[in-house]
C-alpha atoms as a PDB file:
ATOM      1  CA  UNK A   1     115.574 -33.152 -24.487  1.00  0.00           C
ATOM      2  CA  UNK A   2     113.807 -34.569 -27.046  1.00  0.00           C
ATOM      3  CA  UNK A   3     109.723 -34.377 -27.235  1.00  0.00           C
ATOM      4  CA  UNK A   4     107.911 -37.002 -28.679  1.00  0.00           C
ATOM      5  CA  UNK A   5     105.906 -36.043 -31.871  1.00  0.00           C
ATOM      6  CA  UNK A   6     102.986 -38.227 -30.625  1.00  0.00           C
ATOM      7  CA  UNK A   7     102.796 -36.032 -27.395  1.00  0.00           C
ATOM      8  CA  UNK A   8     102.798 -32.747 -29.493  1.00  0.00           C
ATOM      9  CA  UNK A   9     100.061 -34.144 -31.740  1.00  0.00           C
ATOM     10  CA  UNK A  10      98.136 -35.032 -28.541  1.00  0.00           C
ATOM     11  CA  UNK A  11      98.579 -31.584 -26.994  1.00  0.00           C
ATOM     12  CA  UNK A  12      97.379 -30.142 -30.260  1.00  0.00           C
ATOM     13  CA  UNK A  13      94.437 -32.058 -30.237  1.00  0.00           C
ATOM     14  CA  UNK A  14      93.612 -31.176 -26.632  1.00  0.00           C
ATOM     15  CA  UNK A  15      93.956 -27.541 -27.404  1.00  0.00           C
ATOM     16  CA  UNK A  16      91.732 -27.747 -30.313  1.00  0.00           C
ATOM     17  CA  UNK A  17      89.061 -29.839 -28.485  1.00  0.00           C
ATOM     18  CA  UNK A  18      89.126 -27.201 -25.489  1.00  0.00           C
ATOM     19  CA  UNK A  19      88.891 -24.318 -28.058  1.00  0.00           C
ATOM     20  CA  UNK A  20      85.806 -25.928 -29.644  1.00  0.00           C
ATOM     21  CA  UNK A  21      84.304 -26.484 -26.223  1.00  0.00           C
ATOM     22  CA  UNK A  22      84.858 -23.078 -25.301  1.00  0.00           C
ATOM     23  CA  UNK A  23      83.587 -21.629 -28.515  1.00  0.00           C
ATOM     24  CA  UNK A  24      80.292 -23.886 -28.234  1.00  0.00           C
ATOM     25  CA  UNK A  25      79.840 -22.930 -24.860  1.00  0.00           C
ATOM     26  CA  UNK A  26      80.186 -19.266 -25.583  1.00  0.00           C
ATOM     27  CA  UNK A  27      77.920 -19.562 -28.629  1.00  0.00           C
ATOM     28  CA  UNK A  28      75.288 -21.408 -26.393  1.00  0.00           C
ATOM     29  CA  UNK A  29      75.617 -18.742 -23.622  1.00  0.00           C
ATOM     30  CA  UNK A  30      75.215 -15.812 -26.203  1.00  0.00           C
ATOM     31  CA  UNK A  31      72.277 -17.319 -27.949  1.00  0.00           C
ATOM     32  CA  UNK A  32      70.554 -17.997 -24.905  1.00  0.00           C
ATOM     33  CA  UNK A  33      71.145 -14.465 -23.659  1.00  0.00           C
ATOM     34  CA  UNK A  34      69.907 -13.116 -26.967  1.00  0.00           C
ATOM     35  CA  UNK A  35      66.899 -15.311 -26.763  1.00  0.00           C
ATOM     36  CA  UNK A  36      65.928 -13.962 -23.267  1.00  0.00           C
ATOM     37  CA  UNK A  37      66.721 -10.634 -24.227  1.00  0.00           C
ATOM     38  CA  UNK A  38      64.347 -10.737 -27.228  1.00  0.00           C
ATOM     39  CA  UNK A  39      61.852 -12.369 -25.209  1.00  0.00           C
ATOM     40  CA  UNK A  40      61.907  -9.636 -22.576  1.00  0.00           C
ATOM     41  CA  UNK A  41      61.951  -7.083 -25.065  1.00  0.00           C
ATOM     42  CA  UNK A  42      58.909  -8.501 -26.793  1.00  0.00           C
ATOM     43  CA  UNK A  43      57.280  -8.875 -23.341  1.00  0.00           C
ATOM     44  CA  UNK A  44      57.887  -5.350 -22.506  1.00  0.00           C
ATOM     45  CA  UNK A  45      56.732  -3.954 -25.776  1.00  0.00           C
ATOM     46  CA  UNK A  46      53.413  -6.028 -25.390  1.00  0.00           C
ATOM     47  CA  UNK A  47      53.055  -4.811 -21.899  1.00  0.00           C
ATOM     48  CA  UNK A  48      53.466  -1.075 -23.164  1.00  0.00           C
ATOM     49  CA  UNK A  49      51.206  -1.601 -26.244  1.00  0.00           C
ATOM     50  CA  UNK A  50      48.574  -3.597 -24.420  1.00  0.00           C
ATOM     51  CA  UNK A  51      48.302  -1.677 -21.226  1.00  0.00           C
ATOM     52  CA  UNK A  52      45.737   0.821 -22.199  1.00  0.00           C
ATOM     53  CA  UNK A  53      43.639  -2.145 -23.777  1.00  0.00           C
ATOM     54  CA  UNK A  54      43.990  -4.265 -20.701  1.00  0.00           C
ATOM     55  CA  UNK A  55      43.032  -1.162 -18.580  1.00  0.00           C
ATOM     56  CA  UNK A  56      40.036  -0.657 -20.905  1.00  0.00           C
ATOM     57  CA  UNK A  57      38.982  -4.241 -20.473  1.00  0.00           C
ATOM     58  CA  UNK A  58      39.437  -4.335 -16.853  1.00  0.00           C
ATOM     59  CA  UNK A  59      37.249  -1.032 -16.579  1.00  0.00           C
ATOM     60  CA  UNK A  60      34.470  -2.633 -18.740  1.00  0.00           C
ATOM     61  CA  UNK A  61      34.654  -5.831 -16.313  1.00  0.00           C
ATOM     62  CA  UNK A  62      34.401  -3.739 -13.404  1.00  0.00           C
ATOM     63  CA  UNK A  63      31.290  -1.728 -14.787  1.00  0.00           C
ATOM     64  CA  UNK A  64      29.586  -5.210 -15.537  1.00  0.00           C
ATOM     65  CA  UNK A  65      30.393  -6.433 -11.959  1.00  0.00           C
ATOM     66  CA  UNK A  66      29.658  -3.207 -10.051  1.00  0.00           C
ATOM     67  CA  UNK A  67      26.859  -2.113 -12.404  1.00  0.00           C
ATOM     68  CA  UNK A  68      28.089   1.510 -11.970  1.00  0.00           C
ATOM     69  CA  UNK A  69      30.391   4.078 -13.677  1.00  0.00           C
ATOM     70  CA  UNK A  70      32.210   6.657 -11.791  1.00  0.00           C
ATOM     71  CA  UNK A  71      35.638   8.368 -11.119  1.00  0.00           C
ATOM     72  CA  UNK A  72      36.386   5.870  -8.301  1.00  0.00           C
ATOM     73  CA  UNK A  73      36.180   2.802 -10.677  1.00  0.00           C
ATOM     74  CA  UNK A  74      38.473   4.496 -13.277  1.00  0.00           C
ATOM     75  CA  UNK A  75      40.802   5.196 -10.561  1.00  0.00           C
ATOM     76  CA  UNK A  76      40.856   1.620  -9.334  1.00  0.00           C
ATOM     77  CA  UNK A  77      41.373   0.191 -12.859  1.00  0.00           C
ATOM     78  CA  UNK A  78      44.518   2.601 -13.186  1.00  0.00           C
ATOM     79  CA  UNK A  79      45.747   1.658  -9.889  1.00  0.00           C
ATOM     80  CA  UNK A  80      45.694  -2.236 -10.735  1.00  0.00           C
ATOM     81  CA  UNK A  81      47.389  -1.724 -14.135  1.00  0.00           C
ATOM     82  CA  UNK A  82      50.205   0.413 -12.532  1.00  0.00           C
ATOM     83  CA  UNK A  83      50.665  -2.236  -9.622  1.00  0.00           C
ATOM     84  CA  UNK A  84      50.980  -5.085 -12.449  1.00  0.00           C
ATOM     85  CA  UNK A  85      53.365  -3.002 -14.505  1.00  0.00           C
ATOM     86  CA  UNK A  86      55.596  -2.514 -11.470  1.00  0.00           C
ATOM     87  CA  UNK A  87      55.554  -6.187 -10.506  1.00  0.00           C
ATOM     88  CA  UNK A  88      56.432  -7.285 -13.963  1.00  0.00           C
ATOM     89  CA  UNK A  89      59.415  -4.487 -14.049  1.00  0.00           C
ATOM     90  CA  UNK A  90      60.679  -5.815 -10.808  1.00  0.00           C
ATOM     91  CA  UNK A  91      60.610  -9.492 -12.015  1.00  0.00           C
ATOM     92  CA  UNK A  92      62.384  -8.563 -15.171  1.00  0.00           C
ATOM     93  CA  UNK A  93      65.149  -6.667 -13.441  1.00  0.00           C
ATOM     94  CA  UNK A  94      65.817  -9.446 -11.089  1.00  0.00           C
ATOM     95  CA  UNK A  95      66.027 -12.020 -13.832  1.00  0.00           C
ATOM     96  CA  UNK A  96      68.544  -9.854 -15.722  1.00  0.00           C
ATOM     97  CA  UNK A  97      70.743  -9.088 -12.704  1.00  0.00           C
ATOM     98  CA  UNK A  98      70.346 -12.569 -11.476  1.00  0.00           C
ATOM     99  CA  UNK A  99      69.732 -10.920  -8.042  1.00  0.00           C
ATOM    100  CA  UNK A 100      69.301 -13.650  -5.490  1.00  0.00           C
ATOM    101  CA  UNK A 101      67.669 -11.342  -3.003  1.00  0.00           C
ATOM    102  CA  UNK A 102      64.856 -10.871  -5.401  1.00  0.00           C
ATOM    103  CA  UNK A 103      63.543 -14.301  -4.320  1.00  0.00           C
ATOM    104  CA  UNK A 104      63.113 -13.063  -0.862  1.00  0.00           C
ATOM    105  CA  UNK A 105      61.470 -10.079  -2.136  1.00  0.00           C
ATOM    106  CA  UNK A 106      58.949 -11.855  -4.347  1.00  0.00           C
ATOM    107  CA  UNK A 107      56.570 -11.974  -1.493  1.00  0.00           C
ATOM    108  CA  UNK A 108      56.479  -8.273  -0.907  1.00  0.00           C
ATOM    109  CA  UNK A 109      56.152  -7.614  -4.491  1.00  0.00           C
ATOM    110  CA  UNK A 110      53.111 -10.091  -4.652  1.00  0.00           C
ATOM    111  CA  UNK A 111      51.606  -8.057  -1.754  1.00  0.00           C
ATOM    112  CA  UNK A 112      52.115  -4.716  -3.466  1.00  0.00           C
ATOM    113  CA  UNK A 113      50.563  -6.259  -6.704  1.00  0.00           C
ATOM    114  CA  UNK A 114      47.202  -7.416  -4.906  1.00  0.00           C
ATOM    115  CA  UNK A 115      46.829  -4.262  -2.938  1.00  0.00           C
ATOM    116  CA  UNK A 116      44.422  -2.484  -5.195  1.00  0.00           C
ATOM    117  CA  UNK A 117      42.506  -5.791  -5.526  1.00  0.00           C
ATOM    118  CA  UNK A 118      42.090  -5.988  -1.792  1.00  0.00           C
ATOM    119  CA  UNK A 119      40.930  -2.512  -1.603  1.00  0.00           C
ATOM    120  CA  UNK A 120      38.460  -3.004  -4.412  1.00  0.00           C
ATOM    121  CA  UNK A 121      37.102  -5.968  -2.936  1.00  0.00           C
ATOM    122  CA  UNK A 122      36.868  -4.644   0.623  1.00  0.00           C
ATOM    123  CA  UNK A 123      34.913  -1.602  -0.984  1.00  0.00           C
ATOM    124  CA  UNK A 124      32.474  -3.828  -2.927  1.00  0.00           C
ATOM    125  CA  UNK A 125      31.854  -6.043  -0.121  1.00  0.00           C
ATOM    126  CA  UNK A 126      31.692  -3.440   2.452  1.00  0.00           C
ATOM    127  CA  UNK A 127      29.035  -1.516   0.319  1.00  0.00           C
ATOM    128  CA  UNK A 128      27.165  -4.798  -0.450  1.00  0.00           C
ATOM    129  CA  UNK A 129      27.090  -5.568   3.325  1.00  0.00           C
ATOM    130  CA  UNK A 130      26.067  -2.124   3.905  1.00  0.00           C
ATOM    131  CA  UNK A 131      23.180  -2.409   1.438  1.00  0.00           C
ATOM    132  CA  UNK A 132      22.326  -5.816   2.639  1.00  0.00           C
ATOM    133  CA  UNK A 133      22.161  -4.560   6.142  1.00  0.00           C
ATOM    134  CA  UNK A 134      19.792  -1.584   5.181  1.00  0.00           C
ATOM    135  CA  UNK A 135      17.503  -3.907   3.004  1.00  0.00           C
ATOM    136  CA  UNK A 136      17.377  -6.534   6.163  1.00  0.00           C
ATOM    137  CA  UNK A 137      16.565  -3.514   8.438  1.00  0.00           C
ATOM    138  CA  UNK A 138      13.766  -2.099   5.878  1.00  0.00           C
ATOM    139  CA  UNK A 139      12.471  -5.558   5.584  1.00  0.00           C
ATOM    140  CA  UNK A 140      12.266  -6.110   9.341  1.00  0.00           C
ATOM    141  CA  UNK A 141      10.649  -2.583   9.608  1.00  0.00           C
ATOM    142  CA  UNK A 142       8.062  -3.527   6.901  1.00  0.00           C
ATOM    143  CA  UNK A 143       7.462  -6.820   8.606  1.00  0.00           C
ATOM    144  CA  UNK A 144       6.680  -5.086  11.795  1.00  0.00           C
ATOM    145  CA  UNK A 145       4.425  -2.563  10.230  1.00  0.00           C
ATOM    146  CA  UNK A 146       2.554  -5.348   8.579  1.00  0.00           C
ATOM    147  CA  UNK A 147       2.146  -6.988  11.764  1.00  0.00           C
ATOM    148  CA  UNK A 148       0.837  -3.952  13.294  1.00  0.00           C
ATOM    149  CA  UNK A 149      -1.531  -3.460  10.560  1.00  0.00           C
ATOM    150  CA  UNK A 150      -2.910  -6.743  10.863  1.00  0.00           C
ATOM    151  CA  UNK A 151      -3.407  -6.390  14.712  1.00  0.00           C
ATOM    152  CA  UNK A 152      -5.046  -3.015  13.997  1.00  0.00           C
ATOM    153  CA  UNK A 153      -7.344  -4.762  11.449  1.00  0.00           C
ATOM    154  CA  UNK A 154      -8.204  -7.511  13.816  1.00  0.00           C
ATOM    155  CA  UNK A 155      -9.036  -4.988  16.621  1.00  0.00           C
ATOM    156  CA  UNK A 156     -11.181  -2.991  14.133  1.00  0.00           C
ATOM    157  CA  UNK A 157     -12.982  -6.012  13.155  1.00  0.00           C
ATOM    158  CA  UNK A 158     -13.850  -6.931  16.534  1.00  0.00           C
ATOM    159  CA  UNK A 159     -14.873  -3.521  17.563  1.00  0.00           C
ATOM    160  CA  UNK A 160     -17.115  -3.393  14.276  1.00  0.00           C
ATOM    161  CA  UNK A 161     -18.788  -6.717  15.328  1.00  0.00           C
ATOM    162  CA  UNK A 162     -19.492  -5.352  18.778  1.00  0.00           C
ATOM    163  CA  UNK A 163     -20.861  -2.156  17.296  1.00  0.00           C
ATOM    164  CA  UNK A 164     -23.267  -4.378  15.011  1.00  0.00           C
ATOM    165  CA  UNK A 165     -24.137  -6.239  17.999  1.00  0.00           C
ATOM    166  CA  UNK A 166     -24.988  -3.060  19.997  1.00  0.00           C
ATOM    167  CA  UNK A 167     -27.050  -1.633  16.982  1.00  0.00           C
ATOM    168  CA  UNK A 168     -28.917  -5.069  16.514  1.00  0.00           C
ATOM    169  CA  UNK A 169     -29.610  -4.929  20.186  1.00  0.00           C
ATOM    170  CA  UNK A 170     -30.759  -1.273  20.355  1.00  0.00           C
ATOM    171  CA  UNK A 171     -33.296  -1.875  17.206  1.00  0.00           C
ATOM    172  CA  UNK A 172     -34.620  -4.970  18.943  1.00  0.00           C
ATOM    173  CA  UNK A 173     -35.160  -3.006  22.146  1.00  0.00           C
ATOM    174  CA  UNK A 174     -36.722   0.097  20.241  1.00  0.00           C
ATOM    175  CA  UNK A 175     -38.920  -2.368  18.356  1.00  0.00           C
ATOM    176  CA  UNK A 176     -40.014  -3.985  21.547  1.00  0.00           C
ATOM    177  CA  UNK A 177     -40.646  -1.057  23.319  1.00  0.00           C
ATOM    178  CA  UNK A 178     -42.811   0.502  20.436  1.00  0.00           C
ATOM    179  CA  UNK A 179     -44.769  -2.943  20.334  1.00  0.00           C
ATOM    180  CA  UNK A 180     -45.350  -2.746  23.982  1.00  0.00           C
ATOM    181  CA  UNK A 181     -46.300   0.924  23.865  1.00  0.00           C
ATOM    182  CA  UNK A 182     -48.902   0.528  20.977  1.00  0.00           C
ATOM    183  CA  UNK A 183     -49.726  -3.084  20.264  1.00  0.00           C
ATOM    184  CA  UNK A 184     -52.343  -2.061  17.727  1.00  0.00           C
ATOM    185  CA  UNK A 185     -49.986   0.253  15.898  1.00  0.00           C
ATOM    186  CA  UNK A 186     -50.468  -1.897  12.475  1.00  0.00           C
ATOM    187  CA  UNK A 187     -54.217  -2.112  12.692  1.00  0.00           C
ATOM    188  CA  UNK A 188     -54.380   1.419  13.824  1.00  0.00           C
ATOM    189  CA  UNK A 189     -52.865   2.618  10.653  1.00  0.00           C
ATOM    190  CA  UNK A 190     -54.958   0.694   8.615  1.00  0.00           C
ATOM    191  CA  UNK A 191     -57.992   1.994  10.513  1.00  0.00           C
ATOM    192  CA  UNK A 192     -56.473   5.716  10.065  1.00  0.00           C
ATOM    193  CA  UNK A 193     -56.370   5.195   6.301  1.00  0.00           C
ATOM    194  CA  UNK A 194     -59.756   3.812   6.303  1.00  0.00           C
ATOM    195  CA  UNK A 195     -61.356   6.448   8.387  1.00  0.00           C
ATOM    196  CA  UNK A 196     -59.514   9.361   6.141  1.00  0.00           C
ATOM    197  CA  UNK A 197     -60.944   7.603   3.007  1.00  0.00           C
ATOM    198  CA  UNK A 198     -64.687   7.751   4.469  1.00  0.00           C
ATOM    199  CA  UNK A 199     -63.994  11.150   6.430  1.00  0.00           C
ATOM    200  CA  UNK A 200     -64.301  13.017   3.098  1.00  0.00           C
ATOM    201  CA  UNK A 201     -67.698  11.560   2.601  1.00  0.00           C
ATOM    202  CA  UNK A 202     -68.705  12.467   6.305  1.00  0.00           C
ATOM    203  CA  UNK A 203     -67.507  16.037   6.063  1.00  0.00           C
ATOM    204  CA  UNK A 204     -69.306  16.630   2.916  1.00  0.00           C
ATOM    205  CA  UNK A 205     -72.692  15.017   4.542  1.00  0.00           C
ATOM    206  CA  UNK A 206     -72.220  17.491   7.455  1.00  0.00           C
ATOM    207  CA  UNK A 207     -71.762  20.721   5.427  1.00  0.00           C
ATOM    208  CA  UNK A 208     -74.645  19.641   3.033  1.00  0.00           C
ATOM    209  CA  UNK A 209     -77.298  19.728   5.773  1.00  0.00           C
ATOM    210  CA  UNK A 210     -80.308  17.227   4.975  1.00  0.00           C
ATOM    211  CA  UNK A 211     -78.545  16.021   1.944  1.00  0.00           C
ATOM    212  CA  UNK A 212     -75.473  15.038   3.917  1.00  0.00           C
ATOM    213  CA  UNK A 213     -77.655  13.332   6.422  1.00  0.00           C
ATOM    214  CA  UNK A 214     -79.369  11.101   3.886  1.00  0.00           C
ATOM    215  CA  UNK A 215     -75.880  10.462   2.405  1.00  0.00           C
ATOM    216  CA  UNK A 216     -74.413   9.527   5.660  1.00  0.00           C
ATOM    217  CA  UNK A 217     -77.299   7.116   6.264  1.00  0.00           C
ATOM    218  CA  UNK A 218     -75.797   4.828   3.593  1.00  0.00           C
ATOM    219  CA  UNK A 219     -72.631   4.544   5.533  1.00  0.00           C
ATOM    220  CA  UNK A 220     -73.158   2.761   8.801  1.00  0.00           C
ATOM    221  CA  UNK A 221     -69.854   3.965  10.519  1.00  0.00           C
ATOM    222  CA  UNK A 222     -70.585   7.431   9.477  1.00  0.00           C
ATOM    223  CA  UNK A 223     -73.982   7.488  10.949  1.00  0.00           C
ATOM    224  CA  UNK A 224     -72.664   6.313  14.193  1.00  0.00           C
ATOM    225  CA  UNK A 225     -70.345   9.139  14.607  1.00  0.00           C
ATOM    226  CA  UNK A 226     -72.866  11.847  13.089  1.00  0.00           C
ATOM    227  CA  UNK A 227     -75.336  10.550  15.850  1.00  0.00           C
ATOM    228  CA  UNK A 228     -72.687  10.661  18.538  1.00  0.00           C
ATOM    229  CA  UNK A 229     -71.952  14.603  17.437  1.00  0.00           C
ATOM    230  CA  UNK A 230     -75.468  15.310  17.359  1.00  0.00           C
ATOM    231  CA  UNK A 231     -76.154  14.147  21.007  1.00  0.00           C
ATOM    232  CA  UNK A 232     -73.260  15.742  22.230  1.00  0.00           C
ATOM    233  CA  UNK A 233     -74.206  18.995  20.559  1.00  0.00           C
ATOM    234  CA  UNK A 234     -77.956  18.707  21.905  1.00  0.00           C
ATOM    235  CA  UNK A 235     -76.655  18.148  25.430  1.00  0.00           C
ATOM    236  CA  UNK A 236     -74.158  21.158  25.224  1.00  0.00           C
ATOM    237  CA  UNK A 237     -77.145  23.228  23.817  1.00  0.00           C
ATOM    238  CA  UNK A 238     -79.587  22.278  26.517  1.00  0.00           C
ATOM    239  CA  UNK A 239     -76.891  22.775  29.282  1.00  0.00           C
ATOM    240  CA  UNK A 240     -76.136  26.282  27.670  1.00  0.00           C
ATOM    241  CA  UNK A 241     -79.993  27.247  27.495  1.00  0.00           C
ATOM    242  CA  UNK A 242     -80.342  26.265  31.312  1.00  0.00           C
ATOM    243  CA  UNK A 243     -77.433  28.313  32.131  1.00  0.00           C
ATOM    244  CA  UNK A 244     -78.921  31.250  30.442  1.00  0.00           C
ATOM    245  CA  UNK A 245     -76.795  31.624  27.558  1.00  0.00           C
ATOM    246  CA  UNK A 246     -78.605  33.274  24.621  1.00  0.00           C
ATOM    247  CA  UNK A 247     -76.069  32.776  21.780  1.00  0.00           C
ATOM    248  CA  UNK A 248     -74.223  29.543  22.263  1.00  0.00           C
ATOM    249  CA  UNK A 249     -71.536  28.275  20.163  1.00  0.00           C
ATOM    250  CA  UNK A 250     -70.748  24.453  19.873  1.00  0.00           C
ATOM    251  CA  UNK A 251     -67.826  22.583  18.661  1.00  0.00           C
ATOM    252  CA  UNK A 252     -67.969  19.538  16.759  1.00  0.00           C
ATOM    253  CA  UNK A 253     -66.176  16.520  17.536  1.00  0.00           C
ATOM    254  CA  UNK A 254     -65.183  14.790  14.687  1.00  0.00           C
ATOM    255  CA  UNK A 255     -63.573  11.440  13.813  1.00  0.00           C
ATOM    256  CA  UNK A 256     -59.978  11.181  12.737  1.00  0.00           C
ATOM    257  CA  UNK A 257     -61.045  10.653   9.193  1.00  0.00           C
ATOM    258  CA  UNK A 258     -63.205  13.735   9.188  1.00  0.00           C
ATOM    259  CA  UNK A 259     -60.506  16.080  10.463  1.00  0.00           C
ATOM    260  CA  UNK A 260     -58.438  14.743   7.767  1.00  0.00           C
ATOM    261  CA  UNK A 261     -60.864  15.350   5.094  1.00  0.00           C
ATOM    262  CA  UNK A 262     -61.544  18.705   6.369  1.00  0.00           C
ATOM    263  CA  UNK A 263     -57.995  19.510   6.427  1.00  0.00           C
ATOM    264  CA  UNK A 264     -57.263  18.182   2.950  1.00  0.00           C
ATOM    265  CA  UNK A 265     -60.398  20.131   1.402  1.00  0.00           C
ATOM    266  CA  UNK A 266     -59.301  23.398   3.101  1.00  0.00           C
ATOM    267  CA  UNK A 267     -62.908  24.024   4.138  1.00  0.00           C
ATOM    268  CA  UNK A 268     -64.141  24.756   7.844  1.00  0.00           C
ATOM    269  CA  UNK A 269     -67.339  23.952   9.046  1.00  0.00           C
ATOM    270  CA  UNK A 270     -69.482  25.990  11.228  1.00  0.00           C
ATOM    271  CA  UNK A 271     -71.861  23.976  13.504  1.00  0.00           C
ATOM    272  CA  UNK A 272     -75.713  25.452  13.267  1.00  0.00           C
ATOM    273  CA  UNK A 273     -76.756  26.953  16.496  1.00  0.00           C
ATOM    274  CA  UNK A 274     -80.318  25.650  17.162  1.00  0.00           C
ATOM    275  CA  UNK A 275     -82.879  27.486  19.403  1.00  0.00           C
ATOM    276  CA  UNK A 276     -84.255  26.004  22.643  1.00  0.00           C
ATOM    277  CA  UNK A 277     -87.744  25.375  20.830  1.00  0.00           C
ATOM    278  CA  UNK A 278     -86.031  23.289  18.210  1.00  0.00           C
ATOM    279  CA  UNK A 279     -83.819  21.652  20.754  1.00  0.00           C
ATOM    280  CA  UNK A 280     -86.955  20.448  22.718  1.00  0.00           C
ATOM    281  CA  UNK A 281     -88.716  19.266  19.527  1.00  0.00           C
ATOM    282  CA  UNK A 282     -85.666  17.320  18.644  1.00  0.00           C
ATOM    283  CA  UNK A 283     -85.568  15.864  21.833  1.00  0.00           C
END
């Protein structure tokens, strides 16, 4: 059986072409695998090297957002970084092993990734909501207190107005009563001052005997009171003589101004006792 040389050449060419195709395919696959391996290695190294830096950055952001620094915030930052690291490792392993079930598990991995975020958000929102409720309650209490103070102020103002009206009414009633009782109170005060001014002269005239009589003649009002006093004294002396009294004493009735002048000078006057003969001669 003879084989055609042309067929042999064709088979050799096909074999060479197939080998070339296989070699190129293997090279491309190996190169891609190498690239993926290098990329994964770089990603893993970057993750390991930047983990602490990312944690510090996240911690600073949380401090600025929450305006607070405590152990709970540090713990939350560590939990978030750890959940991210776990998620990345799972994705890398699934990619390397070409695990078809990893696609189904990706949703669960995402839930595990966001658990720390959800916890942090719930705590922040919960605390903010709690603070908002407390502030709202305090604000409502302050508004109620302000309303109560305003009502109390109105009530006290009304009571003060009533008290002022009562005081004004009492003052007007008192003034009316005083005027009705002594309508000449104003003129009486002026008369009292005038009598007190002239009373000193009258008392000096009485104590001075005949000289006081001549001085009192110059004052018309003093003469009237003095004549009245003399007449009353003579009447009392006459009554005592008729009754058989041998040593009568008489009391002098002075004007209001005279009594005031006597009190100021600190001197007391004793009315002279006249004999019956003198009384008759005077009469």
